[in-house]
């Protein structure tokens, strides 16, 4: 939503996993929120803390998603149904919108929402990290399958 909790954590985890696999030069990654109230701010300190605890760097600053993102990215990954609807309302192509948890291969992704931990305690950030990590691993599997199109990789 505001691009300070879930999305920058997912971006950092995904970038970390790409680097571990030597794939960082093959995929372009960025995060954005559907709301603009935190634009320019660093990630929430609790997201930074859980990332640091897991050896992850969070490089981004909050920004609001824009129409140019529909042109620049082949996949627009959202955290929940509200963000999905907001992206559709803003003109995102439906065929390129996916919930992050739709890539969760652990079997725990039946509920596609990554809950927003902003108003909860620190343990919520730990739970979100686990969901994001499993989903990002599945996304990399998806992108590296021979059946993945070249367009899916950018």
N, C-alpha and C. Protein backbone atom coordinates (compact mmCIF):
# COMPACT_ATOMS: atom_id res chain seq x y z
N UNK A 1 0.83 -1.19 0.00
CA UNK A 1 0.00 0.00 0.00
C UNK A 1 0.88 1.25 0.00
N UNK A 2 1.63 1.45 1.09
CA UNK A 2 2.47 2.64 1.20
C UNK A 2 3.90 2.42 0.78
N UNK A 3 4.27 1.16 0.49
CA UNK A 3 5.60 0.80 0.00
C UNK A 3 6.70 1.00 1.04
N UNK A 4 6.39 0.66 2.31
CA UNK A 4 7.44 0.72 3.33
C UNK A 4 7.58 -0.58 4.12
N UNK A 5 6.66 -1.51 3.98
CA UNK A 5 6.72 -2.75 4.76
C UNK A 5 6.92 -3.98 3.87
N UNK A 6 5.84 -4.45 3.25
CA UNK A 6 5.88 -5.71 2.52
C UNK A 6 6.66 -5.63 1.22
N UNK A 7 6.36 -4.66 0.39
CA UNK A 7 7.00 -4.58 -0.93
C UNK A 7 8.51 -4.39 -0.87
N UNK A 8 9.02 -3.46 -0.04
CA UNK A 8 10.49 -3.36 0.00
C UNK A 8 11.14 -4.62 0.58
N UNK A 9 10.44 -5.30 1.49
CA UNK A 9 10.96 -6.56 2.02
C UNK A 9 11.01 -7.61 0.91
N UNK A 10 9.94 -7.71 0.13
CA UNK A 10 9.91 -8.66 -0.98
C UNK A 10 10.97 -8.31 -2.03
N UNK A 11 11.13 -7.03 -2.32
CA UNK A 11 12.16 -6.61 -3.27
C UNK A 11 13.54 -7.03 -2.78
N UNK A 12 13.84 -6.76 -1.52
CA UNK A 12 15.15 -7.12 -0.96
C UNK A 12 15.38 -8.61 -0.96
N UNK A 13 14.38 -9.38 -0.56
CA UNK A 13 14.50 -10.84 -0.54
C UNK A 13 14.71 -11.37 -1.95
N UNK A 14 13.92 -10.88 -2.89
CA UNK A 14 14.02 -11.35 -4.27
C UNK A 14 15.40 -11.03 -4.85
N UNK A 15 15.88 -9.80 -4.64
CA UNK A 15 17.21 -9.42 -5.12
C UNK A 15 18.29 -10.30 -4.49
N UNK A 16 18.15 -10.59 -3.21
CA UNK A 16 19.11 -11.45 -2.50
C UNK A 16 19.13 -12.85 -3.12
N UNK A 17 17.97 -13.41 -3.34
CA UNK A 17 17.88 -14.75 -3.93
C UNK A 17 18.42 -14.77 -5.36
N UNK A 18 18.15 -13.72 -6.11
CA UNK A 18 18.70 -13.63 -7.47
C UNK A 18 20.22 -13.61 -7.43
N UNK A 19 20.80 -12.81 -6.52
CA UNK A 19 22.26 -12.74 -6.40
C UNK A 19 22.84 -14.09 -6.01
N UNK A 20 22.19 -14.79 -5.08
CA UNK A 20 22.67 -16.12 -4.67
C UNK A 20 22.75 -17.08 -5.86
N UNK A 21 21.85 -16.91 -6.81
CA UNK A 21 21.78 -17.82 -7.95
C UNK A 21 22.49 -17.27 -9.19
N UNK A 22 23.10 -16.09 -9.07
CA UNK A 22 23.80 -15.49 -10.20
C UNK A 22 22.86 -14.97 -11.28
N UNK A 23 21.65 -14.62 -10.90
CA UNK A 23 20.64 -14.19 -11.87
C UNK A 23 20.33 -12.70 -11.82
N UNK A 24 21.06 -11.95 -11.00
CA UNK A 24 20.72 -10.54 -10.79
C UNK A 24 20.76 -9.70 -12.06
N UNK A 25 21.52 -10.11 -13.07
CA UNK A 25 21.59 -9.35 -14.31
C UNK A 25 20.51 -9.74 -15.32
N UNK A 26 19.65 -10.69 -14.95
CA UNK A 26 18.65 -11.18 -15.88
C UNK A 26 17.23 -10.72 -15.57
N UNK A 27 17.03 -10.11 -14.41
CA UNK A 27 15.69 -9.71 -13.99
C UNK A 27 15.76 -8.29 -13.43
N UNK A 28 14.85 -7.45 -13.85
CA UNK A 28 14.76 -6.09 -13.30
C UNK A 28 13.69 -6.09 -12.22
N UNK A 29 14.04 -5.54 -11.05
CA UNK A 29 13.15 -5.59 -9.88
C UNK A 29 13.00 -4.19 -9.31
N UNK A 30 11.78 -3.83 -8.94
CA UNK A 30 11.51 -2.57 -8.25
C UNK A 30 10.26 -2.78 -7.41
N UNK A 31 10.06 -1.93 -6.42
CA UNK A 31 8.83 -2.01 -5.64
C UNK A 31 8.16 -0.65 -5.62
N UNK A 32 6.85 -0.68 -5.46
CA UNK A 32 6.06 0.55 -5.42
C UNK A 32 4.78 0.25 -4.64
N UNK A 33 4.17 1.30 -4.15
CA UNK A 33 2.90 1.16 -3.44
C UNK A 33 1.76 1.75 -4.24
N UNK A 34 0.55 1.42 -3.84
CA UNK A 34 -0.62 1.99 -4.51
C UNK A 34 -1.02 3.32 -3.88
N UNK A 35 -0.49 3.62 -2.70
CA UNK A 35 -0.73 4.90 -2.05
C UNK A 35 0.54 5.72 -2.04
N UNK A 36 0.41 7.03 -2.01
CA UNK A 36 1.57 7.89 -2.08
C UNK A 36 1.98 8.55 -0.78
N UNK A 37 1.41 8.14 0.33
CA UNK A 37 1.64 8.86 1.58
C UNK A 37 3.04 8.69 2.17
N UNK A 38 3.82 7.71 1.72
CA UNK A 38 5.18 7.50 2.24
C UNK A 38 6.26 7.76 1.19
N UNK A 39 5.91 8.34 0.05
CA UNK A 39 6.85 8.53 -1.05
C UNK A 39 8.15 9.18 -0.54
N UNK A 40 9.26 8.57 -0.91
CA UNK A 40 10.58 9.07 -0.53
C UNK A 40 11.11 8.52 0.78
N UNK A 41 10.26 7.88 1.56
CA UNK A 41 10.69 7.35 2.86
C UNK A 41 11.43 6.02 2.70
N UNK A 42 12.35 5.73 3.63
CA UNK A 42 12.98 4.41 3.64
C UNK A 42 11.98 3.37 4.14
N UNK A 43 12.32 2.10 4.03
CA UNK A 43 11.44 1.05 4.57
C UNK A 43 11.22 1.22 6.07
N UNK A 44 10.10 0.71 6.55
CA UNK A 44 9.77 0.71 7.97
C UNK A 44 10.92 0.06 8.75
N UNK A 45 11.31 0.63 9.88
CA UNK A 45 12.41 0.06 10.66
C UNK A 45 12.20 -1.42 11.03
N UNK A 46 10.96 -1.85 11.18
CA UNK A 46 10.71 -3.26 11.51
C UNK A 46 10.97 -4.15 10.31
N UNK A 47 10.72 -3.66 9.08
CA UNK A 47 11.08 -4.41 7.88
C UNK A 47 12.60 -4.48 7.76
N UNK A 48 13.27 -3.37 8.06
CA UNK A 48 14.73 -3.34 8.01
C UNK A 48 15.30 -4.33 9.02
N UNK A 49 14.71 -4.36 10.23
CA UNK A 49 15.21 -5.25 11.29
C UNK A 49 15.08 -6.72 10.89
N UNK A 50 13.92 -7.12 10.37
CA UNK A 50 13.75 -8.53 9.98
C UNK A 50 14.64 -8.87 8.79
N UNK A 51 14.82 -7.92 7.89
CA UNK A 51 15.71 -8.15 6.75
C UNK A 51 17.15 -8.33 7.23
N UNK A 52 17.60 -7.44 8.07
CA UNK A 52 18.97 -7.50 8.58
C UNK A 52 19.21 -8.81 9.32
N UNK A 53 18.23 -9.22 10.12
CA UNK A 53 18.33 -10.48 10.87
C UNK A 53 18.53 -11.67 9.93
N UNK A 54 18.03 -11.54 8.71
CA UNK A 54 18.11 -12.63 7.73
C UNK A 54 19.14 -12.37 6.63
N UNK A 55 20.01 -11.39 6.84
CA UNK A 55 21.08 -11.12 5.89
C UNK A 55 20.64 -10.46 4.60
N UNK A 56 19.54 -9.71 4.66
CA UNK A 56 18.96 -9.09 3.47
C UNK A 56 19.12 -7.57 3.57
N UNK A 57 19.45 -6.95 2.45
CA UNK A 57 19.53 -5.49 2.37
C UNK A 57 18.27 -4.97 1.67
N UNK A 58 17.73 -3.86 2.17
CA UNK A 58 16.56 -3.24 1.55
C UNK A 58 16.99 -1.93 0.89
N UNK A 59 17.18 -1.94 -0.43
CA UNK A 59 17.79 -0.79 -1.10
C UNK A 59 16.84 0.34 -1.50
N UNK A 60 15.54 0.13 -1.44
CA UNK A 60 14.62 1.08 -2.06
C UNK A 60 14.10 2.15 -1.11
N UNK A 61 13.50 3.16 -1.71
CA UNK A 61 12.73 4.19 -1.02
C UNK A 61 11.33 4.12 -1.59
N UNK A 62 10.35 4.46 -0.76
CA UNK A 62 8.95 4.34 -1.18
C UNK A 62 8.65 5.22 -2.39
N UNK A 63 7.88 4.64 -3.28
CA UNK A 63 7.35 5.38 -4.42
C UNK A 63 5.97 4.83 -4.73
N UNK A 64 5.21 5.62 -5.47
CA UNK A 64 3.88 5.21 -5.86
C UNK A 64 3.95 4.62 -7.27
N UNK A 65 3.23 3.52 -7.46
CA UNK A 65 3.19 2.89 -8.78
C UNK A 65 2.60 3.86 -9.79
N UNK A 66 3.06 3.77 -11.02
CA UNK A 66 2.59 4.69 -12.06
C UNK A 66 2.28 3.92 -13.34
N UNK A 67 1.60 4.59 -14.24
CA UNK A 67 1.24 3.97 -15.51
C UNK A 67 2.46 3.50 -16.28
N UNK A 68 3.59 4.18 -16.11
CA UNK A 68 4.79 3.76 -16.82
C UNK A 68 5.25 2.37 -16.37
N UNK A 69 4.87 1.97 -15.16
CA UNK A 69 5.22 0.63 -14.69
C UNK A 69 4.57 -0.45 -15.54
N UNK A 70 3.37 -0.18 -16.08
CA UNK A 70 2.69 -1.17 -16.91
C UNK A 70 3.49 -1.40 -18.18
N UNK A 71 4.20 -0.37 -18.64
CA UNK A 71 4.99 -0.47 -19.86
C UNK A 71 6.39 -1.05 -19.59
N UNK A 72 6.95 -0.76 -18.43
CA UNK A 72 8.33 -1.14 -18.13
C UNK A 72 8.48 -2.56 -17.57
N UNK A 73 7.43 -3.10 -16.96
CA UNK A 73 7.54 -4.40 -16.29
C UNK A 73 6.56 -5.40 -16.90
N UNK A 74 7.03 -6.62 -17.05
CA UNK A 74 6.20 -7.68 -17.61
C UNK A 74 5.28 -8.32 -16.59
N UNK A 75 5.69 -8.27 -15.33
CA UNK A 75 4.85 -8.77 -14.23
C UNK A 75 4.71 -7.68 -13.18
N UNK A 76 3.50 -7.49 -12.71
CA UNK A 76 3.22 -6.59 -11.60
C UNK A 76 2.75 -7.49 -10.47
N UNK A 77 3.57 -7.57 -9.43
CA UNK A 77 3.29 -8.49 -8.32
C UNK A 77 2.67 -7.69 -7.17
N UNK A 78 1.52 -8.15 -6.69
CA UNK A 78 0.82 -7.45 -5.61
C UNK A 78 0.77 -8.32 -4.35
N UNK A 79 0.52 -7.66 -3.23
CA UNK A 79 0.52 -8.35 -1.94
C UNK A 79 -0.85 -8.83 -1.49
N UNK A 80 -1.91 -8.20 -1.99
CA UNK A 80 -3.25 -8.60 -1.53
C UNK A 80 -4.31 -8.15 -2.54
N UNK A 81 -5.56 -8.50 -2.25
CA UNK A 81 -6.65 -8.19 -3.17
C UNK A 81 -6.89 -6.69 -3.31
N UNK A 82 -6.70 -5.92 -2.23
CA UNK A 82 -6.90 -4.47 -2.32
C UNK A 82 -5.91 -3.85 -3.30
N UNK A 83 -4.65 -4.26 -3.21
CA UNK A 83 -3.65 -3.74 -4.14
C UNK A 83 -3.92 -4.21 -5.56
N UNK A 84 -4.40 -5.43 -5.70
CA UNK A 84 -4.77 -5.95 -7.02
C UNK A 84 -5.85 -5.08 -7.63
N UNK A 85 -6.89 -4.80 -6.86
CA UNK A 85 -7.99 -3.97 -7.35
C UNK A 85 -7.52 -2.54 -7.66
N UNK A 86 -6.68 -1.99 -6.79
CA UNK A 86 -6.16 -0.64 -7.02
C UNK A 86 -5.35 -0.57 -8.32
N UNK A 87 -4.56 -1.59 -8.58
CA UNK A 87 -3.77 -1.62 -9.82
C UNK A 87 -4.67 -1.73 -11.03
N UNK A 88 -5.69 -2.58 -10.96
CA UNK A 88 -6.64 -2.68 -12.07
C UNK A 88 -7.34 -1.35 -12.32
N UNK A 89 -7.77 -0.71 -11.23
CA UNK A 89 -8.44 0.59 -11.34
C UNK A 89 -7.53 1.64 -11.97
N UNK A 90 -6.23 1.51 -11.74
CA UNK A 90 -5.27 2.47 -12.28
C UNK A 90 -4.85 2.14 -13.70
N UNK A 91 -5.36 1.03 -14.25
CA UNK A 91 -5.09 0.69 -15.63
C UNK A 91 -4.09 -0.41 -15.87
N UNK A 92 -3.67 -1.12 -14.84
CA UNK A 92 -2.73 -2.22 -15.03
C UNK A 92 -3.37 -3.32 -15.87
N UNK A 93 -2.60 -3.91 -16.78
CA UNK A 93 -3.14 -5.02 -17.58
C UNK A 93 -3.39 -6.24 -16.69
N UNK A 94 -4.60 -6.72 -16.67
CA UNK A 94 -4.98 -7.83 -15.78
C UNK A 94 -4.14 -9.07 -16.00
N UNK A 95 -3.72 -9.32 -17.24
CA UNK A 95 -2.97 -10.54 -17.53
C UNK A 95 -1.54 -10.49 -17.00
N UNK A 96 -1.09 -9.34 -16.53
CA UNK A 96 0.27 -9.23 -15.99
C UNK A 96 0.29 -9.02 -14.48
N UNK A 97 -0.87 -8.99 -13.86
CA UNK A 97 -0.98 -8.84 -12.41
C UNK A 97 -1.01 -10.21 -11.75
N UNK A 98 -0.18 -10.40 -10.74
CA UNK A 98 -0.16 -11.66 -9.99
C UNK A 98 0.03 -11.36 -8.51
N UNK A 99 -0.60 -12.15 -7.67
CA UNK A 99 -0.34 -12.09 -6.23
C UNK A 99 0.99 -12.78 -5.95
N UNK A 100 1.80 -12.18 -5.09
CA UNK A 100 3.10 -12.77 -4.77
C UNK A 100 2.93 -14.20 -4.27
N UNK A 101 1.94 -14.42 -3.42
CA UNK A 101 1.77 -15.76 -2.83
C UNK A 101 1.29 -16.80 -3.83
N UNK A 102 0.90 -16.39 -5.02
CA UNK A 102 0.54 -17.38 -6.03
C UNK A 102 1.77 -18.18 -6.46
N UNK A 103 2.95 -17.70 -6.10
CA UNK A 103 4.19 -18.41 -6.42
C UNK A 103 4.70 -19.24 -5.25
N UNK A 104 4.00 -19.22 -4.13
CA UNK A 104 4.44 -19.95 -2.92
C UNK A 104 4.28 -21.44 -3.14
N UNK A 105 5.41 -22.14 -3.27
CA UNK A 105 5.40 -23.59 -3.53
C UNK A 105 5.39 -24.41 -2.24
N UNK A 106 5.37 -23.75 -1.09
CA UNK A 106 5.42 -24.47 0.18
C UNK A 106 4.09 -25.10 0.56
N UNK A 107 3.05 -24.78 -0.18
CA UNK A 107 1.73 -25.29 0.16
C UNK A 107 1.00 -24.40 1.14
N UNK A 108 1.64 -23.31 1.54
CA UNK A 108 1.01 -22.39 2.49
C UNK A 108 0.38 -21.19 1.81
N UNK A 109 0.34 -21.17 0.51
CA UNK A 109 -0.15 -20.02 -0.22
C UNK A 109 -1.61 -20.09 -0.63
N UNK A 110 -2.41 -20.90 0.07
CA UNK A 110 -3.82 -21.02 -0.28
C UNK A 110 -4.52 -19.66 -0.16
N UNK A 111 -4.19 -18.91 0.88
CA UNK A 111 -4.66 -17.55 1.01
C UNK A 111 -3.63 -16.68 0.30
N UNK A 112 -4.03 -15.99 -0.74
CA UNK A 112 -3.07 -15.25 -1.56
C UNK A 112 -2.57 -13.96 -0.94
N UNK A 113 -3.17 -13.52 0.14
CA UNK A 113 -2.77 -12.24 0.74
C UNK A 113 -1.53 -12.38 1.61
N UNK A 114 -0.61 -11.43 1.45
CA UNK A 114 0.48 -11.23 2.40
C UNK A 114 -0.06 -10.14 3.32
N UNK A 115 -0.32 -10.46 4.59
CA UNK A 115 -0.95 -9.48 5.48
C UNK A 115 -0.03 -8.29 5.73
N UNK A 116 -0.63 -7.12 5.86
CA UNK A 116 0.13 -5.91 6.15
C UNK A 116 0.48 -5.90 7.63
N UNK A 117 1.77 -5.95 7.97
CA UNK A 117 2.16 -6.01 9.38
C UNK A 117 2.27 -4.65 10.06
N UNK A 118 1.95 -3.57 9.36
CA UNK A 118 2.21 -2.22 9.84
C UNK A 118 1.65 -1.95 11.23
N UNK A 119 0.40 -2.35 11.49
CA UNK A 119 -0.24 -2.03 12.76
C UNK A 119 -0.07 -3.10 13.83
N UNK A 120 0.70 -4.14 13.52
CA UNK A 120 0.90 -5.22 14.48
C UNK A 120 2.26 -5.15 15.14
N UNK A 121 2.61 -6.22 15.81
CA UNK A 121 3.89 -6.31 16.49
C UNK A 121 4.99 -6.82 15.58
N UNK A 122 6.19 -6.92 16.15
CA UNK A 122 7.35 -7.36 15.39
C UNK A 122 7.19 -8.77 14.83
N UNK A 123 6.45 -9.64 15.54
CA UNK A 123 6.28 -11.01 15.06
C UNK A 123 5.55 -11.06 13.72
N UNK A 124 4.72 -10.07 13.44
CA UNK A 124 4.04 -10.00 12.15
C UNK A 124 5.02 -9.82 11.01
N UNK A 125 6.10 -9.09 11.25
CA UNK A 125 7.12 -8.89 10.24
C UNK A 125 7.89 -10.19 9.99
N UNK A 126 8.10 -10.97 11.05
CA UNK A 126 8.74 -12.28 10.88
C UNK A 126 7.88 -13.20 10.04
N UNK A 127 6.58 -13.21 10.30
CA UNK A 127 5.66 -14.06 9.51
C UNK A 127 5.63 -13.61 8.05
N UNK A 128 5.59 -12.30 7.84
CA UNK A 128 5.59 -11.78 6.48
C UNK A 128 6.89 -12.16 5.77
N UNK A 129 8.01 -12.08 6.47
CA UNK A 129 9.29 -12.48 5.86
C UNK A 129 9.21 -13.93 5.38
N UNK A 130 8.70 -14.82 6.19
CA UNK A 130 8.62 -16.24 5.80
C UNK A 130 7.74 -16.43 4.57
N UNK A 131 6.60 -15.73 4.53
CA UNK A 131 5.71 -15.81 3.37
C UNK A 131 6.39 -15.28 2.12
N UNK A 132 7.04 -14.13 2.27
CA UNK A 132 7.71 -13.48 1.15
C UNK A 132 8.85 -14.35 0.64
N UNK A 133 9.63 -14.90 1.54
CA UNK A 133 10.77 -15.74 1.14
C UNK A 133 10.30 -16.95 0.33
N UNK A 134 9.30 -17.68 0.85
CA UNK A 134 8.79 -18.85 0.14
C UNK A 134 8.22 -18.45 -1.23
N UNK A 135 7.54 -17.33 -1.28
CA UNK A 135 6.94 -16.88 -2.54
C UNK A 135 8.00 -16.43 -3.54
N UNK A 136 9.02 -15.74 -3.06
CA UNK A 136 10.11 -15.29 -3.95
C UNK A 136 10.88 -16.48 -4.50
N UNK A 137 11.08 -17.51 -3.69
CA UNK A 137 11.74 -18.72 -4.19
C UNK A 137 10.90 -19.35 -5.30
N UNK A 138 9.58 -19.39 -5.11
CA UNK A 138 8.70 -19.92 -6.13
C UNK A 138 8.68 -19.06 -7.39
N UNK A 139 8.76 -17.75 -7.21
CA UNK A 139 8.80 -16.86 -8.37
C UNK A 139 10.06 -17.10 -9.19
N UNK A 140 11.18 -17.29 -8.52
CA UNK A 140 12.42 -17.60 -9.25
C UNK A 140 12.29 -18.92 -9.99
N UNK A 141 11.70 -19.92 -9.34
CA UNK A 141 11.45 -21.20 -10.04
C UNK A 141 10.62 -20.98 -11.29
N UNK A 142 9.56 -20.18 -11.15
CA UNK A 142 8.68 -19.88 -12.28
C UNK A 142 9.46 -19.22 -13.41
N UNK A 143 10.28 -18.23 -13.07
CA UNK A 143 11.00 -17.47 -14.08
C UNK A 143 12.12 -18.27 -14.75
N UNK A 144 12.62 -19.27 -14.07
CA UNK A 144 13.74 -20.04 -14.64
C UNK A 144 13.30 -21.35 -15.29
N UNK A 145 12.01 -21.63 -15.28
CA UNK A 145 11.51 -22.82 -15.98
C UNK A 145 11.66 -22.61 -17.48
N UNK A 146 12.00 -23.66 -18.19
CA UNK A 146 12.12 -23.52 -19.65
C UNK A 146 10.85 -23.00 -20.32
N UNK A 147 9.70 -23.23 -19.70
CA UNK A 147 8.44 -22.78 -20.30
C UNK A 147 8.16 -21.31 -20.04
N UNK A 148 8.91 -20.66 -19.15
CA UNK A 148 8.71 -19.24 -18.89
C UNK A 148 9.09 -18.46 -20.13
N UNK A 149 8.27 -17.48 -20.48
CA UNK A 149 8.58 -16.68 -21.65
C UNK A 149 9.65 -15.66 -21.31
N UNK A 150 10.32 -15.17 -22.32
CA UNK A 150 11.34 -14.14 -22.11
C UNK A 150 10.69 -12.90 -21.49
N UNK A 151 9.45 -12.61 -21.86
CA UNK A 151 8.76 -11.43 -21.31
C UNK A 151 8.55 -11.56 -19.81
N UNK A 152 8.31 -12.78 -19.31
CA UNK A 152 8.13 -12.98 -17.87
C UNK A 152 9.37 -12.65 -17.07
N UNK A 153 10.52 -12.66 -17.70
CA UNK A 153 11.78 -12.49 -16.98
C UNK A 153 12.17 -11.04 -16.73
N UNK A 154 11.43 -10.09 -17.28
CA UNK A 154 11.82 -8.69 -17.05
C UNK A 154 10.83 -7.98 -16.17
